C-alpha atoms as a PDB file:
ATOM      1  CA  UNK A   1       5.971 -10.522 -19.769  1.00  0.00           C
ATOM      2  CA  UNK A   2       5.059  -7.158 -18.279  1.00  0.00           C
ATOM      3  CA  UNK A   3       6.786  -5.798 -15.208  1.00  0.00           C
ATOM      4  CA  UNK A   4       5.088  -6.541 -11.908  1.00  0.00           C
ATOM      5  CA  UNK A   5       3.737  -3.591  -9.976  1.00  0.00           C
ATOM      6  CA  UNK A   6       1.711  -3.153  -6.789  1.00  0.00           C
ATOM      7  CA  UNK A   7       0.254   0.142  -8.095  1.00  0.00           C
ATOM      8  CA  UNK A   8      -3.516   0.444  -7.636  1.00  0.00           C
ATOM      9  CA  UNK A   9      -3.756   3.963  -9.111  1.00  0.00           C
ATOM     10  CA  UNK A  10      -4.204   5.698  -5.757  1.00  0.00           C
ATOM     11  CA  UNK A  11      -1.019   7.720  -6.013  1.00  0.00           C
ATOM     12  CA  UNK A  12      -0.676   9.955  -2.983  1.00  0.00           C
ATOM     13  CA  UNK A  13       2.360  10.047  -0.712  1.00  0.00           C
ATOM     14  CA  UNK A  14       2.127  10.510   3.049  1.00  0.00           C
ATOM     15  CA  UNK A  15       5.108  10.189   5.366  1.00  0.00           C
ATOM     16  CA  UNK A  16       7.297   9.096   2.467  1.00  0.00           C
ATOM     17  CA  UNK A  17       5.071   6.215   1.334  1.00  0.00           C
ATOM     18  CA  UNK A  18       2.276   5.868  -1.206  1.00  0.00           C
ATOM     19  CA  UNK A  19      -1.071   5.379   0.528  1.00  0.00           C
ATOM     20  CA  UNK A  20      -2.248   3.238  -2.408  1.00  0.00           C
ATOM     21  CA  UNK A  21       0.499   0.661  -2.846  1.00  0.00           C
ATOM     22  CA  UNK A  22       2.724   1.262   0.187  1.00  0.00           C
ATOM     23  CA  UNK A  23       5.965   1.722  -1.733  1.00  0.00           C
ATOM     24  CA  UNK A  24       8.464   4.333  -0.592  1.00  0.00           C
ATOM     25  CA  UNK A  25       9.110   7.380  -2.749  1.00  0.00           C
ATOM     26  CA  UNK A  26      12.495   5.902  -3.680  1.00  0.00           C
ATOM     27  CA  UNK A  27      10.943   2.565  -4.661  1.00  0.00           C
ATOM     28  CA  UNK A  28       8.409   4.343  -6.866  1.00  0.00           C
ATOM     29  CA  UNK A  29      11.048   6.523  -8.541  1.00  0.00           C
ATOM     30  CA  UNK A  30      13.418   3.612  -9.191  1.00  0.00           C
ATOM     31  CA  UNK A  31      10.810   0.910  -9.914  1.00  0.00           C
ATOM     32  CA  UNK A  32      11.460   0.781 -13.669  1.00  0.00           C
ATOM     33  CA  UNK A  33      15.174   0.168 -13.043  1.00  0.00           C
ATOM     34  CA  UNK A  34      14.672  -2.687 -10.577  1.00  0.00           C
ATOM     35  CA  UNK A  35      15.053  -6.255 -11.815  1.00  0.00           C
ATOM     36  CA  UNK A  36      11.886  -8.355 -11.583  1.00  0.00           C
ATOM     37  CA  UNK A  37      13.331 -10.301  -8.627  1.00  0.00           C
ATOM     38  CA  UNK A  38      13.669  -7.097  -6.566  1.00  0.00           C
ATOM     39  CA  UNK A  39      10.154  -5.953  -7.544  1.00  0.00           C
ATOM     40  CA  UNK A  40       8.699  -9.271  -6.386  1.00  0.00           C
ATOM     41  CA  UNK A  41      10.656  -9.073  -3.107  1.00  0.00           C
ATOM     42  CA  UNK A  42       9.251  -5.590  -2.449  1.00  0.00           C
ATOM     43  CA  UNK A  43       5.744  -6.795  -3.292  1.00  0.00           C
ATOM     44  CA  UNK A  44       6.198  -9.715  -0.867  1.00  0.00           C
ATOM     45  CA  UNK A  45       7.219  -7.205   1.838  1.00  0.00           C
ATOM     46  CA  UNK A  46       4.162  -5.070   1.088  1.00  0.00           C
ATOM     47  CA  UNK A  47       1.918  -8.152   1.323  1.00  0.00           C
ATOM     48  CA  UNK A  48       3.488  -9.060   4.689  1.00  0.00           C
ATOM     49  CA  UNK A  49       2.975  -5.516   5.982  1.00  0.00           C
ATOM     50  CA  UNK A  50      -0.658  -5.608   4.824  1.00  0.00           C
ATOM     51  CA  UNK A  51      -1.207  -8.958   6.545  1.00  0.00           C
ATOM     52  CA  UNK A  52       0.133  -7.418   9.752  1.00  0.00           C
ATOM     53  CA  UNK A  53      -2.200  -4.432   9.642  1.00  0.00           C
ATOM     54  CA  UNK A  54      -0.402  -2.250   7.116  1.00  0.00           C
ATOM     55  CA  UNK A  55       2.044   0.555   7.629  1.00  0.00           C
ATOM     56  CA  UNK A  56      -0.462   3.421   7.834  1.00  0.00           C
ATOM     57  CA  UNK A  57      -1.664   4.408  11.295  1.00  0.00           C
ATOM     58  CA  UNK A  58      -5.391   3.633  11.684  1.00  0.00           C
ATOM     59  CA  UNK A  59      -5.895   7.236  12.806  1.00  0.00           C
ATOM     60  CA  UNK A  60      -4.900   8.404   9.320  1.00  0.00           C
ATOM     61  CA  UNK A  61      -8.045   6.793   7.926  1.00  0.00           C
ATOM     62  CA  UNK A  62     -10.223   8.570  10.485  1.00  0.00           C
ATOM     63  CA  UNK A  63      -8.609  11.913   9.626  1.00  0.00           C
ATOM     64  CA  UNK A  64      -9.173  11.372   5.900  1.00  0.00           C
ATOM     65  CA  UNK A  65     -12.779  10.340   6.502  1.00  0.00           C
ATOM     66  CA  UNK A  66     -13.529  13.360   8.678  1.00  0.00           C
ATOM     67  CA  UNK A  67     -12.042  15.658   6.029  1.00  0.00           C
ATOM     68  CA  UNK A  68     -14.415  14.215   3.406  1.00  0.00           C
ATOM     69  CA  UNK A  69     -17.404  13.830   5.744  1.00  0.00           C
ATOM     70  CA  UNK A  70     -17.387  10.010   5.528  1.00  0.00           C
ATOM     71  CA  UNK A  71     -17.885   7.983   8.674  1.00  0.00           C
ATOM     72  CA  UNK A  72     -14.891   5.815   9.549  1.00  0.00           C
ATOM     73  CA  UNK A  73     -14.266   4.833  13.151  1.00  0.00           C
ATOM     74  CA  UNK A  74     -10.660   5.431  14.216  1.00  0.00           C
ATOM     75  CA  UNK A  75     -10.640   2.213  16.220  1.00  0.00           C
ATOM     76  CA  UNK A  76     -11.275   0.047  13.166  1.00  0.00           C
ATOM     77  CA  UNK A  77      -8.215  -0.347  10.937  1.00  0.00           C
ATOM     78  CA  UNK A  78      -8.954  -0.641   7.248  1.00  0.00           C
ATOM     79  CA  UNK A  79      -8.547  -4.055   5.658  1.00  0.00           C
ATOM     80  CA  UNK A  80      -5.793  -4.032   3.105  1.00  0.00           C
ATOM     81  CA  UNK A  81      -6.046  -6.346   0.130  1.00  0.00           C
ATOM     82  CA  UNK A  82      -3.005  -7.962  -1.356  1.00  0.00           C
ATOM     83  CA  UNK A  83      -1.805  -6.445  -4.603  1.00  0.00           C
ATOM     84  CA  UNK A  84      -0.459  -9.753  -5.868  1.00  0.00           C
ATOM     85  CA  UNK A  85      -2.635 -11.703  -8.300  1.00  0.00           C
ATOM     86  CA  UNK A  86      -4.041 -14.890  -6.791  1.00  0.00           C
ATOM     87  CA  UNK A  87      -3.414 -13.893  -3.159  1.00  0.00           C
ATOM     88  CA  UNK A  88      -5.776 -12.597  -0.530  1.00  0.00           C
ATOM     89  CA  UNK A  89      -5.447 -11.542   3.076  1.00  0.00           C
ATOM     90  CA  UNK A  90      -7.987 -12.934   5.505  1.00  0.00           C
END
């Protein structure tokens, strides 16, 4: 069995957390050393954070969009999909 990971290959850290998967810099650095049980617990926490609107301030998406010229209203938080197979966030 392969190790579980929430990585979605958007690897950029802002405010100490990856904007792709939501893990902290420490969690990313130590991920390979964590037992599967701890990885799954972290992934459950990330799913819960995503279900509650995520950890990134909605304004961060507006700033990123304005830097690239894309239109993204600051008042509309981005929907965050679950990284766990077989789960979705409504």
